[in-house]
Amino acid sequence: MDDERKKIIVNNETEEDRVYSLSLRPQYLDEFIGQPELVNSLKVSIQAAKQRQEPLEHMLFSGPPGLGKTSLANVVSHEMDARITVTSGPAIDRAGDLIGILTNLEYGDVLFIDEIHRLSKVVEEFLYPAMESFKIDFVVDKGPLAKTINFNLKPFTLIGATTRSGLLASPLRDRFGIFHHLEFYRAEDLSCIIQKSAEKLKVGIDHASAEAIARRSRGTPRIANRLLRRVRDYAQVKTEQGDIHLPVVKFAMQSLGIDEYGLDDIDRRILTVILQHYKGGPVGVEALAATLNEEVDTIVDVVEPYLLKIGFLTRTARGRELTPASLKHLRANDLAPENSQKEFFSSS
């Protein structure tokens, strides 16, 4: 059960998760729920590119995991009637791998690189001329026999996705013509996503149940769909009809260790460790990760953004600190002693 709880929030998708995620993704912009300003801007860019009969400019999507960067890349390719090639920064080890991908692209194709900030410097340098002038230069042979071969590419659209845009090298960032940052979703939008996903999964769900799942989804569609699938399992086993109702949602969330704010065991561990070991903070993220025996990237990319958004954590130059709101939540769940309020403010 502990592994199952952790997988709900942390980005450890199984093969089953990936198959379901693909089946629940929107195909076109009119089907995409949430991010209204981004969607409207994309519609204009796509319509203009179609009128000019040109490929879209290179675009960069940034934001926390699970907000729809990969889905948007697939939507763009569908809207442009283009073929999409999907890869990731860590998967491209050598420049030769990138050259093989680029030379196989047809006119107007979309190349999607997830976690683009993790590309190596050598691979990045091959991307610069490919993005700017649709050509690549590579060296064959060595020493006196070495010579540079220029290879012209067919115009394509590169879509990059990153959870940490600050780690992108400036020369690479400057070559993107379109930038979009994805924000956490409103509960109303997540409720609509959950109801549409339930239709595709052929499971009944009422409005109150969809809202209850949405409030616990951390503003993230990926987590909303995962929770929906887990609640569907409980509904199938615990009820005769298999439909999702509010009591089933509450029972499933309690079993999974997810509270009304969407916090799970990892979130509560982080908050209680900061309170008990570091007196409410400040504490550096490396020290926090070592105490929790978690990866720094997991805390920074997956857990921390949501805690910052709901005001349970602050990030200062000295480190991470708890807020009165998080302390109140911990005390309500019997995770902080009664006198912690006084100790918290005296140490701040």
Protein backbone atom coordinates (compact mmCIF):
# COMPACT_ATOMS: atom_id res chain seq x y z
CA MET A 1 0.00 0.00 0.00
CA ASP A 2 2.89 2.41 0.72
CA ASP A 3 4.21 1.95 -2.84
CA GLU A 4 0.72 2.54 -4.23
CA ARG A 5 0.33 5.73 -2.17
CA LYS A 6 3.67 7.07 -3.35
CA LYS A 7 2.93 6.34 -7.02
CA ILE A 8 -0.23 8.47 -6.93
CA ILE A 9 1.75 11.69 -6.49
CA VAL A 10 5.32 10.95 -7.55
CA ASN A 11 5.84 10.64 -11.28
CA ASN A 12 6.36 6.86 -11.42
CA GLU A 13 3.96 5.77 -14.15
CA THR A 14 3.52 2.07 -14.85
CA GLU A 15 2.85 0.75 -18.35
CA GLU A 16 -0.85 0.56 -17.46
CA ASP A 17 -0.78 4.21 -16.36
CA ARG A 18 0.80 5.26 -19.65
CA VAL A 19 -1.77 3.36 -21.73
CA TYR A 20 -4.66 4.92 -19.83
CA SER A 21 -3.05 8.39 -20.01
CA LEU A 22 -2.85 8.12 -23.80
CA SER A 23 -6.49 7.05 -24.06
CA LEU A 24 -7.67 9.97 -21.89
CA ARG A 25 -5.68 12.72 -23.64
CA PRO A 26 -7.48 15.29 -25.80
CA GLN A 27 -6.83 15.20 -29.54
CA TYR A 28 -7.70 18.79 -30.48
CA LEU A 29 -7.65 22.20 -28.79
CA ASP A 30 -11.45 22.35 -28.54
CA GLU A 31 -11.27 19.23 -26.36
CA PHE A 32 -8.56 20.68 -24.10
CA ILE A 33 -9.94 21.82 -20.72
CA GLY A 34 -8.19 24.53 -18.70
CA GLN A 35 -5.29 26.91 -19.48
CA PRO A 36 -7.67 29.23 -21.45
CA GLU A 37 -5.13 31.95 -22.26
CA LEU A 38 -2.60 29.41 -23.50
CA VAL A 39 -5.20 27.60 -25.63
CA ASN A 40 -6.42 30.85 -27.21
CA SER A 41 -2.86 31.89 -28.01
CA LEU A 42 -2.12 28.50 -29.56
CA LYS A 43 -5.25 28.70 -31.71
CA VAL A 44 -4.03 32.02 -33.17
CA SER A 45 -0.52 30.67 -33.80
CA ILE A 46 -1.84 27.50 -35.48
CA GLN A 47 -4.37 29.35 -37.63
CA ALA A 48 -1.73 31.86 -38.77
CA ALA A 49 0.75 29.09 -39.63
CA LYS A 50 -1.91 27.23 -41.62
CA GLN A 51 -2.82 30.38 -43.57
CA ARG A 52 0.83 30.91 -44.45
CA GLN A 53 1.18 27.16 -45.17
CA GLU A 54 4.28 27.09 -42.99
CA PRO A 55 5.35 24.96 -40.04
CA LEU A 56 4.78 26.45 -36.60
CA GLU A 57 7.60 28.28 -34.88
CA HIS A 58 9.55 26.28 -32.33
CA MET A 59 7.75 26.39 -28.98
CA LEU A 60 8.63 25.72 -25.36
CA PHE A 61 6.19 24.49 -22.69
CA SER A 62 7.26 24.84 -19.07
CA GLY A 63 5.61 24.00 -15.78
CA PRO A 64 5.34 21.30 -13.08
CA PRO A 65 4.86 17.66 -14.10
CA GLY A 66 1.44 16.41 -15.15
CA LEU A 67 -0.09 19.68 -16.37
CA GLY A 68 -0.39 18.68 -20.02
CA LYS A 69 2.85 19.59 -21.81
CA THR A 70 3.00 16.27 -23.66
CA SER A 71 -0.73 16.38 -24.36
CA LEU A 72 -0.40 19.86 -25.86
CA ALA A 73 2.45 18.71 -28.11
CA ASN A 74 0.23 15.93 -29.45
CA VAL A 75 -2.68 18.35 -29.84
CA VAL A 76 -0.48 20.74 -31.85
CA SER A 77 0.57 17.93 -34.18
CA HIS A 78 -3.08 16.91 -34.71
CA GLU A 79 -4.14 20.50 -35.37
CA MET A 80 -1.34 20.91 -37.90
CA ASP A 81 -2.03 17.50 -39.50
CA ALA A 82 1.61 16.69 -38.88
CA ARG A 83 3.48 13.58 -37.78
CA ILE A 84 5.02 13.77 -34.30
CA THR A 85 8.27 12.20 -33.12
CA VAL A 86 8.55 11.92 -29.34
CA THR A 87 11.78 11.63 -27.36
CA SER A 88 13.34 13.03 -24.18
CA GLY A 89 16.52 14.81 -23.16
CA PRO A 90 18.01 11.88 -21.21
CA ALA A 91 17.27 9.47 -24.11
CA ILE A 92 19.50 11.37 -26.55
CA ASP A 93 22.96 10.39 -25.33
CA ARG A 94 25.02 11.21 -28.41
CA ALA A 95 24.89 13.73 -31.21
CA GLY A 96 24.50 10.83 -33.66
CA ASP A 97 21.17 9.93 -32.05
CA LEU A 98 19.87 13.45 -32.66
CA ILE A 99 21.18 13.52 -36.24
CA GLY A 100 19.30 10.31 -37.00
CA ILE A 101 16.06 11.78 -35.62
CA LEU A 102 16.43 15.11 -37.45
CA THR A 103 17.24 13.62 -40.84
CA ASN A 104 14.12 11.44 -40.71
CA LEU A 105 11.77 14.41 -40.21
CA GLU A 106 9.53 15.41 -43.12
CA TYR A 107 8.35 18.93 -43.96
CA GLY A 108 6.18 20.31 -41.13
CA ASP A 109 6.79 17.38 -38.77
CA VAL A 110 6.80 17.97 -35.02
CA LEU A 111 9.75 16.88 -32.88
CA PHE A 112 8.81 16.77 -29.20
CA ILE A 113 11.65 16.63 -26.65
CA ASP A 114 10.49 16.13 -23.06
CA GLU A 115 12.75 17.30 -20.22
CA ILE A 116 14.73 19.26 -22.79
CA HIS A 117 16.82 20.91 -20.06
CA ARG A 118 18.56 17.54 -19.55
CA LEU A 119 20.14 17.50 -23.02
CA SER A 120 23.93 17.29 -22.98
CA LYS A 121 25.95 20.29 -24.16
CA VAL A 122 27.22 18.42 -27.22
CA VAL A 123 23.70 17.52 -28.34
CA GLU A 124 22.50 21.07 -27.64
CA GLU A 125 25.09 22.52 -30.00
CA PHE A 126 23.78 20.36 -32.85
CA LEU A 127 20.29 21.73 -32.20
CA TYR A 128 21.26 25.39 -32.65
CA PRO A 129 21.75 25.40 -36.47
CA ALA A 130 18.95 22.84 -36.86
CA MET A 131 16.46 25.16 -35.16
CA GLU A 132 17.75 28.38 -36.68
CA SER A 133 18.48 27.53 -40.32
CA PHE A 134 17.33 23.88 -40.65
CA LYS A 135 20.76 22.48 -41.28
CA ILE A 136 23.30 20.46 -39.36
CA ASP A 137 27.07 20.34 -39.63
CA PHE A 138 28.93 17.21 -38.62
CA VAL A 139 32.57 16.23 -38.84
CA VAL A 140 33.78 12.99 -40.42
CA ASP A 141 37.24 11.48 -40.01
CA LYS A 142 39.90 12.90 -37.72
CA GLY A 143 43.11 14.89 -37.92
CA PRO A 144 44.25 16.12 -41.36
CA LEU A 145 41.53 14.10 -43.08
CA ALA A 146 38.73 15.66 -41.05
CA LYS A 147 36.08 17.52 -43.03
CA THR A 148 32.75 19.13 -42.25
CA ILE A 149 29.62 18.00 -44.05
CA ASN A 150 26.60 20.28 -44.25
CA PHE A 151 23.22 18.59 -44.35
CA ASN A 152 20.02 20.51 -45.09
CA LEU A 153 16.96 19.53 -43.09
CA LYS A 154 13.32 19.90 -44.01
CA PRO A 155 11.60 22.67 -42.01
CA PHE A 156 10.09 21.23 -38.83
CA THR A 157 8.70 22.37 -35.49
CA LEU A 158 10.58 21.60 -32.29
CA ILE A 159 8.43 21.51 -29.17
CA GLY A 160 10.38 21.39 -25.93
CA ALA A 161 8.94 20.62 -22.50
CA THR A 162 10.67 21.34 -19.23
CA THR A 163 9.85 21.30 -15.54
CA ARG A 164 12.83 23.57 -14.80
CA SER A 165 13.11 26.29 -17.43
CA GLY A 166 15.82 28.03 -15.40
CA LEU A 167 18.22 25.19 -16.26
CA LEU A 168 17.89 25.77 -20.01
CA ALA A 169 20.96 27.30 -21.61
CA SER A 170 20.30 30.83 -22.87
CA PRO A 171 21.31 30.08 -26.51
CA LEU A 172 18.79 27.24 -26.61
CA ARG A 173 16.02 29.22 -24.92
CA ASP A 174 16.49 32.15 -27.29
CA ARG A 175 15.85 29.97 -30.34
CA PHE A 176 12.27 29.23 -29.33
CA GLY A 177 9.76 31.61 -30.88
CA ILE A 178 6.77 30.70 -28.70
CA PHE A 179 6.86 30.34 -24.90
CA HIS A 180 4.03 29.03 -22.73
CA HIS A 181 4.04 28.38 -18.99
CA LEU A 182 1.37 26.00 -17.69
CA GLU A 183 -0.25 26.87 -14.37
CA PHE A 184 -1.96 24.58 -11.88
CA TYR A 185 -5.59 23.92 -12.82
CA ARG A 186 -8.66 25.19 -11.02
CA ALA A 187 -10.82 22.62 -9.24
CA GLU A 188 -13.71 23.43 -11.64
CA ASP A 189 -11.59 22.54 -14.67
CA LEU A 190 -10.32 19.36 -13.03
CA SER A 191 -13.88 18.34 -12.23
CA CYS A 192 -14.77 18.65 -15.94
CA ILE A 193 -11.67 16.63 -16.89
CA ILE A 194 -12.63 13.91 -14.41
CA GLN A 195 -16.18 13.67 -15.75
CA LYS A 196 -14.96 13.44 -19.35
CA SER A 197 -12.39 10.81 -18.38
CA ALA A 198 -15.09 8.85 -16.54
CA GLU A 199 -17.14 8.80 -19.76
CA LYS A 200 -14.17 7.37 -21.67
CA LEU A 201 -13.63 4.79 -18.92
CA LYS A 202 -17.36 3.98 -19.05
CA VAL A 203 -17.90 4.50 -15.33
CA GLY A 204 -20.71 6.54 -13.79
CA ILE A 205 -19.81 9.47 -11.54
CA ASP A 206 -21.91 12.25 -10.01
CA HIS A 207 -20.93 15.91 -9.84
CA ALA A 208 -20.17 15.90 -6.10
CA SER A 209 -17.81 12.95 -6.46
CA ALA A 210 -15.98 14.59 -9.39
CA GLU A 211 -15.55 17.75 -7.32
CA ALA A 212 -14.26 15.77 -4.33
CA ILE A 213 -11.62 14.07 -6.48
CA ALA A 214 -10.73 17.38 -8.15
CA ARG A 215 -10.06 19.08 -4.79
CA ARG A 216 -7.57 16.33 -3.95
CA SER A 217 -5.80 16.36 -7.33
CA ARG A 218 -3.18 19.02 -6.51
CA GLY A 219 -4.24 21.13 -9.49
CA THR A 220 -2.85 18.45 -11.83
CA PRO A 221 -4.84 16.54 -14.51
CA ARG A 222 -2.46 13.56 -14.44
CA ILE A 223 -3.08 13.06 -10.72
CA ALA A 224 -6.83 13.64 -11.23
CA ASN A 225 -6.98 10.79 -13.76
CA ARG A 226 -4.88 8.51 -11.54
CA LEU A 227 -7.17 9.14 -8.57
CA LEU A 228 -10.21 8.55 -10.77
CA ARG A 229 -8.86 5.14 -11.80
CA ARG A 230 -8.11 4.20 -8.20
CA VAL A 231 -11.57 5.31 -7.03
CA ARG A 232 -13.09 3.35 -9.91
CA ASP A 233 -11.36 0.23 -8.55
CA TYR A 234 -12.88 0.78 -5.11
CA ALA A 235 -16.31 1.46 -6.62
CA GLN A 236 -16.11 -1.73 -8.68
CA VAL A 237 -15.23 -3.84 -5.63
CA LYS A 238 -17.26 -2.12 -2.91
CA THR A 239 -20.53 -1.32 -4.74
CA GLU A 240 -22.97 -3.39 -6.75
CA GLN A 241 -23.37 -1.00 -9.71
CA GLY A 242 -19.72 0.06 -9.86
CA ASP A 243 -20.64 3.75 -10.07
CA ILE A 244 -18.67 6.38 -8.17
CA HIS A 245 -20.45 8.19 -5.33
CA LEU A 246 -19.18 10.45 -2.56
CA PRO A 247 -18.89 7.79 0.19
CA VAL A 248 -16.76 5.65 -2.15
CA VAL A 249 -14.50 8.64 -2.92
CA LYS A 250 -13.99 9.39 0.77
CA PHE A 251 -13.28 5.75 1.58
CA ALA A 252 -10.80 5.44 -1.30
CA MET A 253 -8.99 8.66 -0.39
CA GLN A 254 -8.69 7.59 3.23
CA SER A 255 -7.33 4.22 2.16
CA LEU A 256 -4.78 5.90 -0.13
CA GLY A 257 -3.73 8.33 2.62
CA ILE A 258 -4.79 11.46 0.71
CA ASP A 259 -6.40 14.25 2.73
CA GLU A 260 -8.81 17.01 1.72
CA TYR A 261 -5.95 19.20 0.41
CA GLY A 262 -4.57 16.40 -1.75
CA LEU A 263 -1.55 15.93 0.54
CA ASP A 264 -0.18 12.40 0.78
CA ASP A 265 2.36 10.68 3.02
CA ILE A 266 5.38 12.34 1.35
CA ASP A 267 3.92 15.84 1.82
CA ARG A 268 3.14 15.20 5.46
CA ARG A 269 6.60 13.74 6.04
CA ILE A 270 8.22 16.84 4.58
CA LEU A 271 6.11 19.19 6.71
CA THR A 272 6.58 17.21 9.93
CA VAL A 273 10.35 16.83 9.38
CA ILE A 274 10.72 20.60 8.90
CA LEU A 275 8.70 21.15 12.08
CA GLN A 276 10.22 18.49 14.30
CA HIS A 277 13.84 18.37 13.09
CA TYR A 278 14.34 21.98 12.02
CA LYS A 279 11.83 23.85 14.23
CA GLY A 280 9.80 25.09 11.29
CA GLY A 281 12.80 26.07 9.14
CA PRO A 282 14.63 27.47 7.39
CA VAL A 283 16.26 24.32 6.02
CA GLY A 284 18.14 23.71 2.78
CA VAL A 285 16.63 21.31 0.27
CA GLU A 286 19.72 19.08 0.30
CA ALA A 287 19.53 18.65 4.07
CA LEU A 288 15.80 18.02 3.82
CA ALA A 289 16.27 15.39 1.10
CA ALA A 290 18.98 13.64 3.12
CA THR A 291 16.78 13.52 6.21
CA LEU A 292 13.84 12.14 4.24
CA ASN A 293 15.98 9.80 2.12
CA GLU A 294 14.34 11.25 -0.99
CA GLU A 295 15.83 12.61 -4.22
CA VAL A 296 16.28 16.38 -4.36
CA ASP A 297 14.60 16.46 -7.79
CA THR A 298 11.51 14.73 -6.37
CA ILE A 299 11.13 17.40 -3.71
CA VAL A 300 11.89 20.36 -6.00
CA ASP A 301 9.95 19.26 -9.11
CA VAL A 302 7.05 17.19 -7.77
CA VAL A 303 6.24 17.94 -4.13
CA GLU A 304 7.36 21.49 -3.43
CA PRO A 305 5.50 23.44 -6.19
CA TYR A 306 2.08 22.46 -4.86
CA LEU A 307 3.00 23.15 -1.22
CA LEU A 308 4.21 26.60 -2.30
CA LYS A 309 1.01 27.22 -4.27
CA ILE A 310 -1.36 26.44 -1.39
CA GLY A 311 0.75 28.47 1.05
CA PHE A 312 1.98 25.59 3.20
CA LEU A 313 5.64 26.30 2.46
CA THR A 314 7.79 29.33 1.69
CA ARG A 315 11.14 29.36 -0.08
CA THR A 316 13.65 31.93 1.14
CA ALA A 317 17.34 32.59 0.56
CA ARG A 318 18.06 30.65 3.77
CA GLY A 319 15.92 27.64 2.83
CA ARG A 320 12.41 26.22 3.17
CA GLU A 321 10.12 27.36 5.98
CA LEU A 322 6.69 26.32 7.22
CA THR A 323 3.80 28.79 7.28
CA PRO A 324 1.10 29.20 9.96
CA ALA A 325 -1.36 27.55 7.53
CA SER A 326 0.71 24.38 7.31
CA LEU A 327 1.17 24.29 11.07
CA LYS A 328 -2.58 24.61 11.56
CA HIS A 329 -3.11 21.73 9.13
CA LEU A 330 -0.57 19.54 10.92
CA ARG A 331 -2.19 20.22 14.28
CA ALA A 332 -5.65 19.45 12.88
CA ASN A 333 -4.32 16.04 11.82
CA ASP A 334 -2.55 15.45 15.18
CA LEU A 335 0.88 15.72 13.56
CA ALA A 336 2.04 18.69 15.62
CA PRO A 337 2.00 19.20 19.41
CA GLU A 338 -0.33 21.73 21.01
CA ASN A 339 2.50 24.06 22.03
CA SER A 340 4.01 24.09 18.53
CA GLN A 341 2.20 27.34 17.63
CA LYS A 342 4.11 29.27 20.28
CA GLU A 343 7.42 27.56 19.47
CA PHE A 344 6.90 28.18 15.75
CA PHE A 345 6.41 31.91 16.08
CA SER A 346 9.18 32.32 18.67
CA SER A 347 11.68 30.66 16.32
CA SER A 348 10.57 32.60 13.22
